[in-house]
Amino acid sequence: MKMKWMKVFGFAAVLALAPQAGGAAGPLPVEADHSGESASSTLARADALARGSELDRAIALIEGVLASEPANTQAQLLYAKTLSWKGEYERAISIYGEVIKREPMNAEAHAGYARVLSWKGEYGLSVQEFRRALEIEPGSIETRTSLARTLWWKGESRAALKELSRVLSKEPGYLDALNLERRLRQDYGPSLKASYANSSDSDGNDMEALRLSFADTFGFTNHRFEAAYRHYDASIASKSAEAHFFDLKDSIRLSGRSVFTPRLSLVSLDASSDSTVYLTGGLSFYMPLAKGMSLAAAYNRYPLVDTATLIENNIRVREAALSLTRETKALTLSASALSASYSDGNSRYDLTGGVSVKLLKSPHVAAGFISEYRDFSDRKSNGYFNPPNIFSNTVYVSAEGRVLDKLVYKAKASLGNQSYENKSEYATAFQAGLDWEAARDFSFEALYKYSRSALESASGFRFEEFRAGVNYLF
């Protein structure tokens, strides 16, 4: 029964991608006759189209109004906003500038101008324009929330939280401000998280995992410290083993949005045949680049603790990875390379490329394609899956939205094909999760995942996991 449903989800993913690749499936619907309607009615129709992601049709309507009324402020503001949603930032900035020059006390124009500047990464100028808009219209909670978001992007989290506090003191239920405040408090602390996970695979491996973590800045600007304890209890047949991690890391914000993160871990492995304790660690670096691009690099050392056999064999990995991501309004492109060496003399490298397309804005629905190649240098029998090479191609559909203000759902289904050792197999996966924001300080989360993939589990082809957790914000 599970296999049947996985195939249904995977087939749905392919169908969701097909219209994107092939364009319009048929003729456009015939437009109703709107001749003779007022400019305000036309603009209201254009606004509805823009909010429904039909940006080109909205722009055509607005340009029709501006052709006869070039100084129509309502039309210009809607035109600039729609152009900015389409990613045409320079044109949007130019139009906002025209309105500000003609109407220097127009708060909406200053706020829109500031918003586009923030999307371009010009955070300093954006903050100035947001503050100018608030001088004109100090009661705008939307503008103040946007200012808080830009301050966060600028690296000024404390200032952002101060602005959000002012918003929520007036509108305690304002959802955008609540969500942003929760994200900031989770990211910068003080916050406490606890989670439990239970997983199994088709080779009979079972794993229970517990994680506790505490994060805070401790008053240090541009730092976020986190201390965590992780416990893994693995078993198969009559064999069992445990792994304990004590982790310390510091996320250091550099200039702009760049972040450098060193990590140190004390590891204790306990198996029936042996036990060992040692230190390990890693470094990671994230840096935004021009035009929506970002770079991430990492070097890590860690043990494989996916199964009791791996804990018993004490397989350690040294891994270096580099990735590039390019985001536009509708597309996200990614590419990554990874090289790893194992303590048993094996080594591997991975090459991965992907593209995702945003299909809906609210709820957020996306479809994508991922291609991966993985190659091991040697065949080893130390408990992990290591064929000479694996080719994997996968299509997926993901959705994320909100129900009843406090409940956030996330789901993802994928269908793919994997080939290795002269054989080819279908791979499917499905996961669904819920986050319940019970109160301003408490949230609960739960996730279920099922997959059939040689790349998912250390050994078995089928993998299942259930995870639950609680977050507390001080």
Protein backbone atom coordinates (compact mmCIF):
# COMPACT_ATOMS: atom_id res chain seq x y z
CA MET A 1 0.00 0.00 0.00
CA LYS A 2 2.84 2.38 0.83
CA MET A 3 4.47 1.68 -2.54
CA LYS A 4 1.23 2.47 -4.31
CA TRP A 5 0.90 5.84 -2.59
CA MET A 6 4.55 6.72 -3.24
CA LYS A 7 3.99 6.15 -6.96
CA VAL A 8 0.88 8.35 -6.87
CA PHE A 9 2.82 11.19 -5.19
CA GLY A 10 5.71 10.82 -7.62
CA PHE A 11 3.36 10.84 -10.63
CA ALA A 12 1.76 14.03 -9.27
CA ALA A 13 5.22 15.63 -9.16
CA VAL A 14 5.77 14.89 -12.85
CA LEU A 15 2.37 16.28 -13.78
CA ALA A 16 3.04 19.46 -11.81
CA LEU A 17 6.27 20.05 -13.72
CA ALA A 18 4.83 19.35 -17.18
CA PRO A 19 3.01 22.70 -17.71
CA GLN A 20 6.14 24.58 -16.72
CA ALA A 21 8.21 22.85 -19.36
CA GLY A 22 5.68 22.93 -22.15
CA GLY A 23 4.17 26.36 -21.78
CA ALA A 24 0.45 27.06 -22.10
CA ALA A 25 -1.62 23.97 -22.69
CA GLY A 26 -4.33 25.74 -24.70
CA PRO A 27 -5.76 29.10 -25.76
CA LEU A 28 -6.12 31.82 -23.16
CA PRO A 29 -9.62 32.40 -21.84
CA VAL A 30 -11.55 35.16 -23.59
CA GLU A 31 -11.34 38.40 -21.63
CA ALA A 32 -14.57 40.01 -20.52
CA ASP A 33 -15.44 43.36 -22.10
CA HIS A 34 -14.21 46.06 -19.67
CA SER A 35 -14.45 48.98 -22.10
CA GLY A 36 -15.69 52.12 -20.46
CA GLU A 37 -14.70 51.18 -16.90
CA SER A 38 -13.05 53.81 -14.70
CA ALA A 39 -9.31 54.01 -14.12
CA SER A 40 -9.76 53.00 -10.46
CA SER A 41 -11.72 49.89 -11.50
CA THR A 42 -9.02 48.94 -14.01
CA LEU A 43 -6.34 49.38 -11.35
CA ALA A 44 -8.31 47.26 -8.88
CA ARG A 45 -8.47 44.51 -11.51
CA ALA A 46 -4.74 44.88 -12.19
CA ASP A 47 -3.97 44.65 -8.47
CA ALA A 48 -5.94 41.39 -8.22
CA LEU A 49 -4.06 39.97 -11.22
CA ALA A 50 -0.69 40.97 -9.74
CA ARG A 51 -1.52 39.34 -6.40
CA GLY A 52 -2.44 36.21 -8.35
CA SER A 53 1.02 36.22 -9.98
CA GLU A 54 -0.34 37.24 -13.40
CA LEU A 55 2.18 40.07 -13.53
CA ASP A 56 2.36 40.64 -17.30
CA ARG A 57 -1.41 41.00 -17.62
CA ALA A 58 -1.46 43.37 -14.64
CA ILE A 59 1.34 45.48 -16.13
CA ALA A 60 -0.49 45.74 -19.46
CA LEU A 61 -3.61 47.09 -17.71
CA ILE A 62 -1.64 49.61 -15.64
CA GLU A 63 0.28 50.83 -18.68
CA GLY A 64 -3.09 51.41 -20.40
CA VAL A 65 -4.14 53.70 -17.53
CA LEU A 66 -0.80 55.54 -17.50
CA ALA A 67 -0.98 56.11 -21.25
CA SER A 68 -3.93 58.44 -20.69
CA GLU A 69 -3.06 59.57 -17.14
CA PRO A 70 0.77 59.60 -16.83
CA ALA A 71 0.70 61.38 -13.45
CA ASN A 72 -1.87 59.06 -11.85
CA THR A 73 -0.19 58.40 -8.49
CA GLN A 74 -2.26 55.29 -7.70
CA ALA A 75 -1.34 53.79 -11.07
CA GLN A 76 2.35 54.64 -10.70
CA LEU A 77 2.58 53.10 -7.23
CA LEU A 78 0.86 49.90 -8.37
CA TYR A 79 3.06 49.85 -11.49
CA ALA A 80 6.25 50.15 -9.43
CA LYS A 81 5.11 47.46 -6.98
CA THR A 82 4.21 45.03 -9.77
CA LEU A 83 7.50 45.65 -11.57
CA SER A 84 9.38 44.98 -8.34
CA TRP A 85 7.52 41.67 -7.91
CA LYS A 86 8.66 40.79 -11.42
CA GLY A 87 12.27 41.55 -10.45
CA GLU A 88 12.60 44.75 -12.51
CA TYR A 89 14.05 46.69 -9.61
CA GLU A 90 15.62 49.60 -11.50
CA ARG A 91 12.39 50.48 -13.32
CA ALA A 92 10.47 50.25 -10.04
CA ILE A 93 12.97 52.52 -8.28
CA SER A 94 12.72 55.06 -11.09
CA ILE A 95 8.92 55.23 -10.84
CA TYR A 96 8.95 55.45 -7.04
CA GLY A 97 11.47 58.28 -7.42
CA GLU A 98 9.13 60.18 -9.75
CA VAL A 99 6.30 59.97 -7.24
CA ILE A 100 8.55 61.04 -4.33
CA LYS A 101 9.84 64.02 -6.32
CA ARG A 102 6.29 65.13 -7.07
CA GLU A 103 4.83 64.16 -3.67
CA PRO A 104 7.65 64.17 -1.08
CA MET A 105 5.18 63.38 1.75
CA ASN A 106 3.83 60.22 0.11
CA ALA A 107 4.57 57.54 2.73
CA GLU A 108 3.57 54.65 0.44
CA ALA A 109 6.10 55.75 -2.18
CA HIS A 110 8.92 55.98 0.39
CA ALA A 111 8.01 52.56 1.82
CA GLY A 112 7.86 50.95 -1.63
CA TYR A 113 11.17 52.54 -2.61
CA ALA A 114 12.72 51.21 0.63
CA ARG A 115 11.36 47.72 0.03
CA VAL A 116 12.94 47.47 -3.44
CA LEU A 117 16.26 48.76 -2.09
CA SER A 118 16.20 46.04 0.57
CA TRP A 119 15.58 43.37 -2.08
CA LYS A 120 18.60 44.71 -3.96
CA GLY A 121 20.73 44.37 -0.84
CA GLU A 122 21.15 48.13 -0.29
CA TYR A 123 20.17 47.86 3.36
CA GLY A 124 21.56 51.18 4.61
CA LEU A 125 19.59 53.27 2.09
CA SER A 126 16.57 51.06 2.60
CA VAL A 127 16.53 51.69 6.36
CA GLN A 128 16.75 55.45 5.74
CA GLU A 129 13.74 55.36 3.39
CA PHE A 130 11.70 53.19 5.77
CA ARG A 131 12.38 55.63 8.59
CA ARG A 132 11.36 58.52 6.33
CA ALA A 133 8.08 56.73 5.56
CA LEU A 134 7.48 56.23 9.30
CA GLU A 135 8.12 59.91 10.00
CA ILE A 136 5.25 60.65 7.61
CA GLU A 137 3.01 57.77 8.75
CA PRO A 138 4.26 56.50 12.14
CA GLY A 139 1.29 54.19 12.67
CA SER A 140 1.95 51.92 9.68
CA ILE A 141 2.59 48.47 11.14
CA GLU A 142 3.32 47.03 7.68
CA THR A 143 6.10 49.57 7.08
CA ARG A 144 7.58 49.08 10.56
CA THR A 145 7.58 45.29 10.09
CA SER A 146 9.34 45.72 6.75
CA LEU A 147 11.90 47.96 8.47
CA ALA A 148 12.46 45.23 11.08
CA ARG A 149 13.01 42.63 8.36
CA THR A 150 15.58 44.87 6.63
CA LEU A 151 17.39 45.51 9.91
CA TRP A 152 17.58 41.74 10.39
CA TRP A 153 19.04 41.31 6.88
CA LYS A 154 21.47 44.12 7.71
CA GLY A 155 22.64 42.17 10.77
CA GLU A 156 21.02 44.42 13.40
CA SER A 157 18.83 41.83 15.11
CA ARG A 158 18.38 43.75 18.37
CA ALA A 159 17.16 46.83 16.51
CA ALA A 160 14.82 44.60 14.49
CA LEU A 161 13.34 43.07 17.65
CA LYS A 162 12.81 46.56 19.09
CA GLU A 163 10.75 47.59 16.03
CA LEU A 164 8.74 44.36 16.18
CA SER A 165 8.02 44.97 19.85
CA ARG A 166 6.50 48.36 18.92
CA VAL A 167 4.34 46.69 16.27
CA LEU A 168 3.09 43.91 18.56
CA SER A 169 2.36 46.31 21.40
CA LYS A 170 -0.27 47.87 19.10
CA GLU A 171 -1.34 44.76 17.16
CA PRO A 172 -0.56 41.63 19.25
CA GLY A 173 -2.05 39.36 16.60
CA TYR A 174 -0.27 40.80 13.54
CA LEU A 175 0.91 37.60 11.88
CA ASP A 176 3.84 38.91 9.81
CA ALA A 177 5.40 40.55 12.88
CA LEU A 178 4.80 37.49 15.06
CA ASN A 179 6.42 35.17 12.55
CA LEU A 180 9.43 37.43 12.07
CA GLU A 181 9.87 37.92 15.81
CA ARG A 182 9.73 34.15 16.39
CA ARG A 183 12.34 33.60 13.68
CA LEU A 184 14.66 36.22 15.19
CA ARG A 185 14.27 34.92 18.72
CA GLN A 186 14.91 31.35 17.55
CA ASP A 187 17.98 32.44 15.59
CA TYR A 188 19.58 34.67 18.18
CA GLY A 189 18.19 33.43 21.47
CA PRO A 190 17.96 32.87 24.20
CA SER A 191 16.12 29.77 23.03
CA LEU A 192 15.88 26.13 24.08
CA LYS A 193 15.05 23.26 21.72
CA ALA A 194 14.41 19.58 22.34
CA SER A 195 13.67 16.93 19.72
CA TYR A 196 13.22 13.17 19.48
CA ALA A 197 13.47 11.02 16.34
CA ASN A 198 12.89 7.36 15.60
CA SER A 199 13.99 5.81 12.30
CA SER A 200 14.36 2.40 10.65
CA ASP A 201 15.48 0.94 7.33
CA SER A 202 14.84 -2.20 5.30
CA ASP A 203 18.02 -3.92 6.58
CA GLY A 204 16.56 -4.01 10.10
CA ASN A 205 18.51 -1.06 11.52
CA ASP A 206 16.69 0.98 14.16
CA MET A 207 17.76 4.33 15.58
CA GLU A 208 16.49 6.58 18.35
CA ALA A 209 17.94 10.09 18.56
CA LEU A 210 17.56 12.83 21.18
CA ARG A 211 18.84 16.40 20.83
CA LEU A 212 18.86 19.28 23.35
CA SER A 213 20.26 22.70 22.47
CA PHE A 214 20.51 26.19 23.92
CA ALA A 215 21.38 29.27 21.88
CA ASP A 216 22.07 32.89 22.82
CA THR A 217 24.26 35.84 21.89
CA PHE A 218 25.22 36.40 25.56
CA GLY A 219 25.42 40.11 24.75
CA PHE A 220 28.12 39.77 22.09
CA THR A 221 27.30 41.66 18.92
CA ASN A 222 27.45 39.60 15.70
CA HIS A 223 27.77 36.30 17.56
CA ARG A 224 25.36 33.44 18.17
CA PHE A 225 26.57 30.72 20.51
CA GLU A 226 24.96 27.30 20.66
CA ALA A 227 25.56 24.39 23.03
CA ALA A 228 23.95 21.04 22.25
CA TYR A 229 23.83 17.46 23.46
CA ARG A 230 22.98 14.64 21.03
CA HIS A 231 22.36 11.01 21.92
CA TYR A 232 21.97 8.17 19.40
CA ASP A 233 20.85 4.67 20.34
CA ALA A 234 21.22 2.25 17.41
CA SER A 235 20.32 -1.42 17.21
CA ILE A 236 20.05 -4.34 14.79
CA ALA A 237 19.07 -7.91 15.75
CA SER A 238 21.05 -8.60 18.95
CA LYS A 239 23.59 -5.80 18.41
CA SER A 240 23.33 -2.30 19.91
CA ALA A 241 25.54 0.76 20.26
CA GLU A 242 25.34 4.34 21.51
CA ALA A 243 26.87 7.64 20.46
CA HIS A 244 27.05 10.85 22.50
CA PHE A 245 27.93 14.32 21.18
CA PHE A 246 28.61 17.51 23.13
CA ASP A 247 28.64 20.33 20.59
CA LEU A 248 29.77 23.95 20.83
CA LYS A 249 29.58 26.39 17.92
CA ASP A 250 29.60 30.12 17.28
CA SER A 251 27.94 31.71 14.26
CA ILE A 252 29.95 34.88 13.64
CA ARG A 253 28.33 37.50 11.43
CA LEU A 254 30.90 39.28 9.29
CA SER A 255 30.28 42.21 6.93
CA GLY A 256 26.86 42.23 5.27
CA ARG A 257 25.12 38.87 5.64
CA SER A 258 28.26 36.75 5.57
CA VAL A 259 28.53 34.21 8.41
CA PHE A 260 31.52 32.18 9.60
CA THR A 261 30.78 29.23 11.91
CA PRO A 262 33.41 27.19 13.78
CA ARG A 263 32.25 24.02 15.58
CA LEU A 264 33.83 21.73 18.17
CA SER A 265 32.40 18.37 19.31
CA LEU A 266 33.32 15.92 22.03
CA VAL A 267 32.32 12.45 20.77
CA SER A 268 31.82 9.30 22.85
CA LEU A 269 31.08 6.01 21.07
CA ASP A 270 29.99 2.97 23.10
CA ALA A 271 29.66 -0.45 21.44
CA SER A 272 29.72 -3.98 22.81
CA SER A 273 33.24 -4.53 21.47
CA ASP A 274 34.84 -1.18 22.25
CA SER A 275 34.38 2.44 23.40
CA THR A 276 36.23 5.59 22.46
CA VAL A 277 36.23 9.33 23.18
CA TYR A 278 37.75 12.04 21.01
CA LEU A 279 37.37 15.62 19.79
CA THR A 280 36.27 16.58 16.29
CA GLY A 281 34.96 19.73 14.63
CA GLY A 282 34.42 21.76 11.53
CA LEU A 283 34.16 25.16 9.86
CA SER A 284 31.53 26.62 7.55
CA PHE A 285 31.22 29.89 5.68
CA TYR A 286 28.29 31.59 3.94
CA MET A 287 28.55 34.72 1.80
CA PRO A 288 25.96 36.46 -0.41
CA LEU A 289 27.24 37.47 -3.84
CA ALA A 290 25.88 39.86 -6.46
CA LYS A 291 22.58 39.41 -8.30
CA GLY A 292 20.91 36.94 -5.96
CA MET A 293 23.86 34.56 -5.77
CA SER A 294 25.30 33.05 -2.61
CA LEU A 295 28.34 30.93 -1.81
CA ALA A 296 28.66 28.32 0.92
CA ALA A 297 31.76 26.36 1.88
CA ALA A 298 32.41 23.86 4.68
CA TYR A 299 35.03 21.52 6.08
CA ASN A 300 33.90 18.97 8.67
CA ARG A 301 35.16 15.91 10.52
CA TYR A 302 32.58 13.55 12.03
CA PRO A 303 31.84 9.88 12.74
CA LEU A 304 29.13 7.85 10.97
CA VAL A 305 26.53 6.92 13.57
CA ASP A 306 23.61 5.90 11.33
CA THR A 307 23.67 2.26 12.49
CA ALA A 308 25.05 0.11 15.31
CA THR A 309 27.59 -1.40 12.90
CA LEU A 310 28.94 2.01 11.93
CA ILE A 311 29.28 3.07 15.59
CA GLU A 312 31.04 -0.20 16.37
CA ASN A 313 33.44 0.20 13.41
CA ASN A 314 34.11 3.87 14.34
CA ILE A 315 34.06 5.09 10.72
CA ARG A 316 35.18 8.72 10.64
CA VAL A 317 34.79 11.11 7.70
CA ARG A 318 36.67 14.21 6.60
CA GLU A 319 34.53 16.24 4.22
CA ALA A 320 34.97 19.43 2.16
CA ALA A 321 32.02 20.97 0.31
CA LEU A 322 31.35 24.00 -1.88
CA SER A 323 28.01 25.20 -3.25
CA LEU A 324 26.61 28.08 -5.31
CA THR A 325 22.98 29.20 -5.35
CA ARG A 326 21.31 31.69 -7.70
CA GLU A 327 17.84 32.96 -6.81
CA THR A 328 15.47 34.95 -8.98
CA LYS A 329 11.83 35.83 -8.50
CA ALA A 330 10.63 32.50 -9.92
CA LEU A 331 13.69 30.25 -10.15
CA THR A 332 16.40 28.90 -7.86
CA LEU A 333 19.47 27.31 -9.42
CA SER A 334 22.04 25.41 -7.36
CA ALA A 335 25.26 23.50 -7.90
CA SER A 336 27.55 21.81 -5.38
CA ALA A 337 30.65 19.65 -5.16
CA LEU A 338 31.80 17.51 -2.25
CA SER A 339 34.92 15.48 -1.52
CA ALA A 340 35.19 13.06 1.41
CA SER A 341 37.74 10.62 2.80
CA TYR A 342 36.95 7.78 5.23
CA SER A 343 39.04 6.39 8.07
CA ASP A 344 38.94 2.92 6.46
CA GLY A 345 40.81 4.23 3.40
CA ASN A 346 37.78 4.82 1.18
CA SER A 347 36.99 8.15 -0.49
CA ARG A 348 34.18 9.65 -2.52
CA TYR A 349 33.08 12.74 -4.37
CA ASP A 350 29.61 14.10 -5.16
CA LEU A 351 28.45 16.47 -7.91
CA THR A 352 24.93 17.87 -7.63
CA GLY A 353 22.86 20.32 -9.67
CA GLY A 354 19.28 21.46 -9.22
CA VAL A 355 16.58 23.88 -10.28
CA SER A 356 13.31 24.77 -8.58
CA VAL A 357 10.36 26.78 -9.88
CA LYS A 358 7.91 28.71 -7.71
CA LEU A 359 4.40 27.79 -8.79
CA LEU A 360 2.30 29.58 -6.16
CA LYS A 361 3.10 32.32 -3.69
CA SER A 362 0.50 31.58 -1.00
CA PRO A 363 0.51 28.76 -0.13
CA HIS A 364 4.11 28.47 -1.27
CA VAL A 365 4.24 25.71 -3.88
CA ALA A 366 7.39 24.82 -5.83
CA ALA A 367 8.50 22.10 -8.23
CA GLY A 368 12.07 21.12 -8.96
CA PHE A 369 14.61 18.77 -10.47
CA ILE A 370 17.81 17.46 -8.85
CA SER A 371 20.58 15.51 -10.56
CA GLU A 372 23.38 13.89 -8.53
CA TYR A 373 26.44 11.79 -9.23
CA ARG A 374 28.30 10.02 -6.40
CA ASP A 375 31.46 7.93 -6.78
CA PHE A 376 33.38 5.86 -4.21
CA SER A 377 37.00 4.87 -4.85
CA ASP A 378 36.86 1.47 -3.09
CA ARG A 379 34.35 -1.19 -2.15
CA LYS A 380 34.40 -1.64 1.63
CA SER A 381 32.36 -3.84 3.96
CA ASN A 382 32.30 -1.63 7.03
CA GLY A 383 28.56 -1.00 7.21
CA TYR A 384 27.86 1.80 4.73
CA PHE A 385 26.55 1.66 1.16
CA ASN A 386 29.40 2.40 -1.27
CA PRO A 387 28.94 1.26 -4.89
CA PRO A 388 31.50 2.52 -7.45
CA ASN A 389 29.09 5.17 -8.75
CA ILE A 390 25.47 6.27 -8.46
CA PHE A 391 23.51 8.43 -10.90
CA SER A 392 20.32 9.92 -9.49
CA ASN A 393 17.69 12.15 -11.16
CA THR A 394 14.68 13.31 -9.19
CA VAL A 395 11.64 15.55 -9.72
CA TYR A 396 9.73 16.87 -6.73
CA VAL A 397 6.84 19.08 -5.62
CA SER A 398 6.80 20.89 -2.26
CA ALA A 399 4.13 22.91 -0.48
CA GLU A 400 4.14 25.09 2.61
CA GLY A 401 1.30 27.09 4.06
CA ARG A 402 -0.57 28.16 7.16
CA VAL A 403 -3.87 27.00 8.64
CA LEU A 404 -5.77 28.86 11.35
CA ASP A 405 -2.89 31.34 11.84
CA LYS A 406 -0.97 29.14 14.31
CA LEU A 407 -0.53 25.91 12.31
CA VAL A 408 2.13 25.66 9.58
CA TYR A 409 2.21 22.64 7.30
CA LYS A 410 5.04 21.44 5.04
CA ALA A 411 4.92 18.59 2.53
CA LYS A 412 7.17 17.25 -0.22
CA ALA A 413 6.83 14.36 -2.67
CA SER A 414 9.44 13.16 -5.15
CA LEU A 415 9.97 10.57 -7.85
CA GLY A 416 13.35 9.63 -9.29
CA ASN A 417 15.54 7.06 -10.94
CA GLN A 418 18.86 5.74 -9.63
CA SER A 419 21.38 3.63 -11.52
CA TYR A 420 24.47 1.86 -10.20
CA GLU A 421 26.30 -1.40 -10.89
CA ASN A 422 24.48 -1.89 -14.21
CA LYS A 423 21.03 -1.76 -12.65
CA SER A 424 18.35 0.91 -12.47
CA GLU A 425 15.77 1.49 -9.73
CA TYR A 426 12.92 3.90 -9.08
CA ALA A 427 13.29 6.03 -5.95
CA THR A 428 10.36 7.72 -4.24
CA ALA A 429 10.01 9.85 -1.15
CA PHE A 430 7.33 11.65 0.81
CA GLN A 431 7.47 13.80 3.91
CA ALA A 432 4.92 15.86 5.79
CA GLY A 433 5.32 18.06 8.84
CA LEU A 434 3.36 20.36 11.10
CA ASP A 435 4.53 23.28 13.26
CA TRP A 436 2.10 24.45 15.92
CA GLU A 437 2.86 27.92 17.22
CA ALA A 438 0.97 27.40 20.45
CA ALA A 439 2.03 30.68 22.05
CA ARG A 440 4.44 33.53 21.51
CA ASP A 441 7.09 31.60 23.47
CA PHE A 442 6.18 27.97 22.70
CA SER A 443 6.01 25.99 19.47
CA PHE A 444 5.78 22.29 18.70
CA GLU A 445 6.80 20.43 15.57
CA ALA A 446 6.30 16.96 14.10
CA LEU A 447 7.58 15.34 10.89
CA TYR A 448 7.07 12.02 9.11
CA LYS A 449 9.33 10.89 6.26
CA TYR A 450 9.34 7.82 4.03
CA SER A 451 11.75 7.10 1.19
CA ARG A 452 13.00 4.35 -1.09
CA SER A 453 16.47 5.49 -2.10
CA ALA A 454 20.01 4.17 -2.05
CA LEU A 455 21.16 7.70 -1.16
CA GLU A 456 18.90 8.12 1.86
CA SER A 457 20.03 5.44 4.29
CA ALA A 458 23.51 4.25 5.20
CA SER A 459 22.59 0.69 4.29
CA GLY A 460 18.92 -0.20 3.72
CA PHE A 461 17.02 0.88 0.62
CA ARG A 462 13.80 1.78 2.46
CA PHE A 463 13.97 4.43 5.17
CA GLU A 464 11.30 5.71 7.59
CA GLU A 465 11.55 8.43 10.22
CA PHE A 466 9.29 10.15 12.71
CA ARG A 467 10.46 13.27 14.52
CA ALA A 468 8.88 15.54 17.15
CA GLY A 469 10.17 18.55 19.04
CA VAL A 470 9.43 21.58 21.18
CA ASN A 471 10.95 25.07 21.04
CA TYR A 472 10.91 27.55 23.91
CA LEU A 473 11.87 31.22 23.55
CA PHE A 474 12.92 32.99 26.73
